[in-house]
Amino acid sequence: MDKKSLTEQDICSKYILPAIIASGWDLKYQIREQVSFTDGKLLFAENCSRGDKKRADFILYYKNDLPIAIIEAKDNNHSVGAGMEQALGYAESLDIHLYIVQTEMHLLSMIFFQ
């Protein structure tokens, strides 16, 4: 398999989710995938509308309503830096102090505490 051709969703389903589960996280109660956590920015041009929703690849929860970590994946066509910036913004929005950026290209995981 050519890892360069993997999509972000491929990386999430083939590598990240199995690793999260293998490390002891409960799929039903502690892991949420593709989580929209905003309604999108209000846009006041000609009509009032909303922009794109913010969506995290994974949010890990200590308890049902207590998110403690964001995991952001990137395909091999994006830099790890792009994922860090996105994960940091999401973490700040949700007041989470741990965020993880994952890329399959170099089997690299970066964990950050704010």
N, C-alpha and C. Protein backbone atom coordinates (compact mmCIF):
# COMPACT_ATOMS: atom_id res chain seq x y z
N MET A 1 0.84 -1.18 0.00
CA MET A 1 0.00 0.00 0.00
C MET A 1 0.89 1.25 0.00
N ASP A 2 0.62 2.14 -0.90
CA ASP A 2 1.35 3.39 -0.99
C ASP A 2 0.77 4.37 0.03
N LYS A 3 1.55 4.66 1.06
CA LYS A 3 1.06 5.53 2.14
C LYS A 3 0.79 6.95 1.66
N LYS A 4 1.43 7.35 0.57
CA LYS A 4 1.19 8.69 0.02
C LYS A 4 -0.24 8.84 -0.49
N SER A 5 -0.87 7.72 -0.84
CA SER A 5 -2.21 7.80 -1.41
C SER A 5 -3.31 7.72 -0.35
N LEU A 6 -2.96 7.52 0.90
CA LEU A 6 -3.96 7.43 1.96
C LEU A 6 -4.65 8.78 2.17
N THR A 7 -5.95 8.75 2.33
CA THR A 7 -6.69 9.96 2.67
C THR A 7 -6.65 10.16 4.18
N GLU A 8 -7.09 11.32 4.62
CA GLU A 8 -7.17 11.58 6.05
C GLU A 8 -8.10 10.57 6.73
N GLN A 9 -9.21 10.24 6.08
CA GLN A 9 -10.14 9.26 6.65
C GLN A 9 -9.51 7.88 6.73
N ASP A 10 -8.71 7.50 5.72
CA ASP A 10 -7.99 6.22 5.76
C ASP A 10 -7.07 6.17 6.98
N ILE A 11 -6.35 7.25 7.21
CA ILE A 11 -5.42 7.31 8.33
C ILE A 11 -6.18 7.21 9.65
N CYS A 12 -7.32 7.90 9.74
CA CYS A 12 -8.13 7.83 10.96
C CYS A 12 -8.62 6.40 11.22
N SER A 13 -9.20 5.76 10.20
CA SER A 13 -9.82 4.45 10.41
C SER A 13 -8.82 3.31 10.48
N LYS A 14 -7.71 3.39 9.77
CA LYS A 14 -6.75 2.28 9.74
C LYS A 14 -5.68 2.36 10.81
N TYR A 15 -5.39 3.57 11.27
CA TYR A 15 -4.27 3.73 12.20
C TYR A 15 -4.67 4.36 13.53
N ILE A 16 -5.33 5.51 13.46
CA ILE A 16 -5.57 6.26 14.70
C ILE A 16 -6.61 5.60 15.58
N LEU A 17 -7.81 5.31 15.05
CA LEU A 17 -8.86 4.72 15.87
C LEU A 17 -8.43 3.39 16.49
N PRO A 18 -7.83 2.47 15.74
CA PRO A 18 -7.37 1.23 16.39
C PRO A 18 -6.34 1.49 17.50
N ALA A 19 -5.47 2.47 17.31
CA ALA A 19 -4.47 2.79 18.34
C ALA A 19 -5.13 3.36 19.59
N ILE A 20 -6.14 4.20 19.42
CA ILE A 20 -6.85 4.76 20.57
C ILE A 20 -7.53 3.64 21.36
N ILE A 21 -8.22 2.76 20.65
CA ILE A 21 -8.92 1.66 21.30
C ILE A 21 -7.93 0.71 21.98
N ALA A 22 -6.83 0.41 21.31
CA ALA A 22 -5.81 -0.49 21.88
C ALA A 22 -5.18 0.08 23.14
N SER A 23 -5.19 1.41 23.27
CA SER A 23 -4.59 2.01 24.46
C SER A 23 -5.59 2.12 25.62
N GLY A 24 -6.80 1.56 25.45
CA GLY A 24 -7.72 1.46 26.57
C GLY A 24 -8.90 2.41 26.57
N TRP A 25 -9.05 3.24 25.56
CA TRP A 25 -10.19 4.15 25.51
C TRP A 25 -11.44 3.38 25.09
N ASP A 26 -12.57 3.72 25.70
CA ASP A 26 -13.84 3.06 25.42
C ASP A 26 -14.52 3.71 24.22
N LEU A 27 -14.73 2.92 23.15
CA LEU A 27 -15.29 3.44 21.91
C LEU A 27 -16.68 4.03 22.11
N LYS A 28 -17.47 3.42 22.95
CA LYS A 28 -18.85 3.87 23.13
C LYS A 28 -18.97 5.13 23.98
N TYR A 29 -18.14 5.27 24.99
CA TYR A 29 -18.31 6.36 25.96
C TYR A 29 -17.22 7.43 25.94
N GLN A 30 -16.06 7.14 25.40
CA GLN A 30 -14.96 8.08 25.53
C GLN A 30 -14.41 8.62 24.21
N ILE A 31 -14.79 8.04 23.10
CA ILE A 31 -14.23 8.43 21.81
C ILE A 31 -15.35 8.93 20.91
N ARG A 32 -15.17 10.12 20.38
CA ARG A 32 -16.12 10.62 19.39
C ARG A 32 -15.31 11.02 18.16
N GLU A 33 -15.79 10.56 17.00
CA GLU A 33 -15.08 10.78 15.74
C GLU A 33 -15.85 11.76 14.87
N GLN A 34 -15.12 12.62 14.17
CA GLN A 34 -15.72 13.62 13.27
C GLN A 34 -16.77 14.45 14.02
N VAL A 35 -16.32 15.13 15.05
CA VAL A 35 -17.19 15.88 15.95
C VAL A 35 -17.31 17.33 15.50
N SER A 36 -18.52 17.75 15.14
CA SER A 36 -18.77 19.18 14.89
C SER A 36 -19.05 19.83 16.23
N PHE A 37 -18.31 20.90 16.53
CA PHE A 37 -18.51 21.51 17.85
C PHE A 37 -18.81 23.00 17.77
N THR A 38 -19.04 23.52 16.58
CA THR A 38 -19.56 24.88 16.43
C THR A 38 -20.63 24.85 15.35
N ASP A 39 -21.46 25.87 15.31
CA ASP A 39 -22.47 25.99 14.27
C ASP A 39 -21.94 26.71 13.04
N GLY A 40 -20.72 27.19 13.13
CA GLY A 40 -20.14 27.95 12.02
C GLY A 40 -20.24 29.44 12.30
N LYS A 41 -19.29 30.16 11.80
CA LYS A 41 -19.22 31.60 11.99
C LYS A 41 -20.39 32.28 11.30
N LEU A 42 -21.01 33.26 11.98
CA LEU A 42 -22.09 34.03 11.37
C LEU A 42 -21.52 34.94 10.29
N LEU A 43 -22.14 34.91 9.13
CA LEU A 43 -21.71 35.73 8.01
C LEU A 43 -22.83 36.72 7.67
N PHE A 44 -22.49 38.00 7.69
CA PHE A 44 -23.49 39.03 7.42
C PHE A 44 -23.16 39.74 6.11
N ALA A 45 -23.28 39.05 5.03
CA ALA A 45 -23.08 39.68 3.72
C ALA A 45 -24.45 40.14 3.24
N GLU A 46 -24.93 39.61 2.18
CA GLU A 46 -26.27 39.96 1.71
C GLU A 46 -27.34 39.32 2.58
N ASN A 47 -27.11 38.11 2.94
CA ASN A 47 -28.03 37.37 3.80
C ASN A 47 -27.27 36.90 5.03
N CYS A 48 -27.98 36.70 6.09
CA CYS A 48 -27.35 36.15 7.28
C CYS A 48 -27.22 34.64 7.08
N SER A 49 -26.01 34.13 7.14
CA SER A 49 -25.79 32.70 6.96
C SER A 49 -24.64 32.27 7.87
N ARG A 50 -24.32 31.02 7.81
CA ARG A 50 -23.23 30.49 8.62
C ARG A 50 -22.12 29.94 7.74
N GLY A 51 -20.91 30.07 8.22
CA GLY A 51 -19.76 29.49 7.53
C GLY A 51 -19.63 28.03 7.91
N ASP A 52 -18.47 27.47 7.60
CA ASP A 52 -18.22 26.06 7.89
C ASP A 52 -18.17 25.81 9.38
N LYS A 53 -18.67 24.64 9.77
CA LYS A 53 -18.57 24.20 11.15
C LYS A 53 -17.15 23.75 11.44
N LYS A 54 -16.73 23.90 12.68
CA LYS A 54 -15.44 23.34 13.09
C LYS A 54 -15.69 21.87 13.42
N ARG A 55 -14.81 21.01 12.90
CA ARG A 55 -14.99 19.57 13.08
C ARG A 55 -13.64 18.95 13.42
N ALA A 56 -13.58 18.33 14.59
CA ALA A 56 -12.37 17.64 15.03
C ALA A 56 -12.41 16.19 14.56
N ASP A 57 -11.25 15.65 14.22
CA ASP A 57 -11.20 14.25 13.80
C ASP A 57 -11.60 13.33 14.96
N PHE A 58 -11.06 13.59 16.14
CA PHE A 58 -11.43 12.84 17.33
C PHE A 58 -11.42 13.77 18.53
N ILE A 59 -12.36 13.57 19.42
CA ILE A 59 -12.31 14.18 20.74
C ILE A 59 -12.42 13.03 21.73
N LEU A 60 -11.51 13.01 22.70
CA LEU A 60 -11.51 11.99 23.74
C LEU A 60 -12.10 12.61 25.01
N TYR A 61 -12.95 11.85 25.67
CA TYR A 61 -13.68 12.34 26.84
C TYR A 61 -13.29 11.53 28.07
N TYR A 62 -13.11 12.25 29.19
CA TYR A 62 -12.91 11.59 30.48
C TYR A 62 -14.24 11.05 30.97
N LYS A 63 -15.23 11.89 30.93
CA LYS A 63 -16.62 11.53 31.23
C LYS A 63 -17.46 12.03 30.07
N ASN A 64 -18.72 11.71 30.06
CA ASN A 64 -19.59 11.99 28.92
C ASN A 64 -19.49 13.42 28.39
N ASP A 65 -19.47 14.40 29.26
CA ASP A 65 -19.44 15.79 28.81
C ASP A 65 -18.16 16.52 29.18
N LEU A 66 -17.08 15.77 29.40
CA LEU A 66 -15.82 16.38 29.79
C LEU A 66 -14.73 16.00 28.79
N PRO A 67 -14.60 16.81 27.71
CA PRO A 67 -13.55 16.52 26.72
C PRO A 67 -12.18 16.83 27.29
N ILE A 68 -11.23 15.93 27.05
CA ILE A 68 -9.88 16.16 27.59
C ILE A 68 -8.79 16.16 26.53
N ALA A 69 -9.09 15.70 25.31
CA ALA A 69 -8.05 15.69 24.27
C ALA A 69 -8.67 15.79 22.89
N ILE A 70 -7.94 16.47 22.02
CA ILE A 70 -8.29 16.59 20.60
C ILE A 70 -7.24 15.82 19.82
N ILE A 71 -7.67 15.05 18.85
CA ILE A 71 -6.72 14.39 17.94
C ILE A 71 -7.07 14.87 16.53
N GLU A 72 -6.09 15.43 15.87
CA GLU A 72 -6.29 15.94 14.51
C GLU A 72 -5.36 15.17 13.57
N ALA A 73 -5.93 14.61 12.54
CA ALA A 73 -5.16 13.84 11.57
C ALA A 73 -4.96 14.67 10.31
N LYS A 74 -3.89 14.39 9.62
CA LYS A 74 -3.62 15.02 8.33
C LYS A 74 -3.16 13.95 7.36
N ASP A 75 -3.59 14.06 6.11
CA ASP A 75 -3.09 13.13 5.11
C ASP A 75 -1.65 13.51 4.79
N ASN A 76 -1.02 12.74 3.94
CA ASN A 76 0.39 12.96 3.66
C ASN A 76 0.67 14.10 2.70
N ASN A 77 -0.37 14.82 2.31
CA ASN A 77 -0.20 15.99 1.45
C ASN A 77 -0.19 17.28 2.25
N HIS A 78 -0.35 17.18 3.57
CA HIS A 78 -0.33 18.35 4.44
C HIS A 78 0.83 18.24 5.41
N SER A 79 1.31 19.37 5.84
CA SER A 79 2.40 19.36 6.81
C SER A 79 1.83 19.12 8.21
N VAL A 80 2.69 18.62 9.08
CA VAL A 80 2.29 18.44 10.48
C VAL A 80 1.95 19.80 11.08
N GLY A 81 2.64 20.85 10.65
CA GLY A 81 2.38 22.19 11.16
C GLY A 81 0.95 22.63 10.90
N ALA A 82 0.39 22.26 9.77
CA ALA A 82 -1.00 22.60 9.47
C ALA A 82 -1.93 21.95 10.47
N GLY A 83 -1.64 20.72 10.84
CA GLY A 83 -2.45 20.01 11.83
C GLY A 83 -2.31 20.60 13.22
N MET A 84 -1.09 21.04 13.56
CA MET A 84 -0.87 21.64 14.88
C MET A 84 -1.69 22.91 15.03
N GLU A 85 -1.66 23.76 14.03
CA GLU A 85 -2.41 25.02 14.09
C GLU A 85 -3.91 24.75 14.23
N GLN A 86 -4.41 23.81 13.46
CA GLN A 86 -5.83 23.48 13.51
C GLN A 86 -6.19 22.89 14.88
N ALA A 87 -5.40 21.94 15.37
CA ALA A 87 -5.68 21.30 16.66
C ALA A 87 -5.60 22.31 17.80
N LEU A 88 -4.65 23.22 17.74
CA LEU A 88 -4.53 24.24 18.78
C LEU A 88 -5.77 25.13 18.81
N GLY A 89 -6.24 25.55 17.64
CA GLY A 89 -7.45 26.37 17.57
C GLY A 89 -8.65 25.64 18.14
N TYR A 90 -8.78 24.36 17.80
CA TYR A 90 -9.89 23.57 18.32
C TYR A 90 -9.77 23.41 19.84
N ALA A 91 -8.56 23.13 20.31
CA ALA A 91 -8.35 22.97 21.75
C ALA A 91 -8.70 24.25 22.51
N GLU A 92 -8.32 25.39 21.96
CA GLU A 92 -8.65 26.66 22.61
C GLU A 92 -10.15 26.88 22.63
N SER A 93 -10.84 26.54 21.54
CA SER A 93 -12.29 26.71 21.48
C SER A 93 -13.02 25.88 22.53
N LEU A 94 -12.48 24.70 22.81
CA LEU A 94 -13.13 23.78 23.76
C LEU A 94 -12.49 23.79 25.14
N ASP A 95 -11.52 24.66 25.35
CA ASP A 95 -10.79 24.75 26.62
C ASP A 95 -10.17 23.40 26.99
N ILE A 96 -9.54 22.77 26.01
CA ILE A 96 -8.83 21.51 26.21
C ILE A 96 -7.34 21.82 26.18
N HIS A 97 -6.60 21.20 27.08
CA HIS A 97 -5.18 21.52 27.20
C HIS A 97 -4.27 20.45 26.62
N LEU A 98 -4.84 19.46 25.94
CA LEU A 98 -4.04 18.42 25.30
C LEU A 98 -4.52 18.28 23.87
N TYR A 99 -3.60 18.36 22.95
CA TYR A 99 -3.98 18.10 21.56
C TYR A 99 -2.89 17.29 20.89
N ILE A 100 -3.30 16.46 19.96
CA ILE A 100 -2.41 15.52 19.30
C ILE A 100 -2.57 15.68 17.80
N VAL A 101 -1.46 15.70 17.11
CA VAL A 101 -1.48 15.77 15.65
C VAL A 101 -0.86 14.48 15.14
N GLN A 102 -1.54 13.84 14.21
CA GLN A 102 -1.09 12.54 13.69
C GLN A 102 -0.97 12.60 12.18
N THR A 103 0.15 12.15 11.68
CA THR A 103 0.32 11.95 10.24
C THR A 103 0.94 10.59 10.03
N GLU A 104 0.50 9.88 9.03
CA GLU A 104 0.99 8.52 8.80
C GLU A 104 2.32 8.49 8.06
N MET A 105 2.64 9.52 7.32
CA MET A 105 3.80 9.49 6.45
C MET A 105 5.08 9.06 7.18
N HIS A 106 5.31 9.63 8.32
CA HIS A 106 6.50 9.31 9.10
C HIS A 106 6.15 8.61 10.40
N LEU A 107 4.91 8.09 10.48
CA LEU A 107 4.42 7.49 11.72
C LEU A 107 4.71 8.42 12.90
N LEU A 108 4.36 9.66 12.71
CA LEU A 108 4.70 10.70 13.66
C LEU A 108 3.47 11.10 14.47
N SER A 109 3.63 11.13 15.75
CA SER A 109 2.59 11.62 16.64
C SER A 109 3.20 12.74 17.47
N MET A 110 2.54 13.83 17.58
CA MET A 110 3.03 14.92 18.39
C MET A 110 1.97 15.24 19.43
N ILE A 111 2.38 15.30 20.68
CA ILE A 111 1.45 15.58 21.77
C ILE A 111 1.89 16.88 22.42
N PHE A 112 0.92 17.75 22.68
CA PHE A 112 1.22 19.06 23.22
C PHE A 112 0.34 19.34 24.43
N PHE A 113 0.92 19.89 25.45
CA PHE A 113 0.17 20.37 26.61
C PHE A 113 0.29 21.88 26.63
N GLN A 114 -0.83 22.55 26.84
CA GLN A 114 -0.79 24.01 26.91
C GLN A 114 -0.54 24.42 28.34
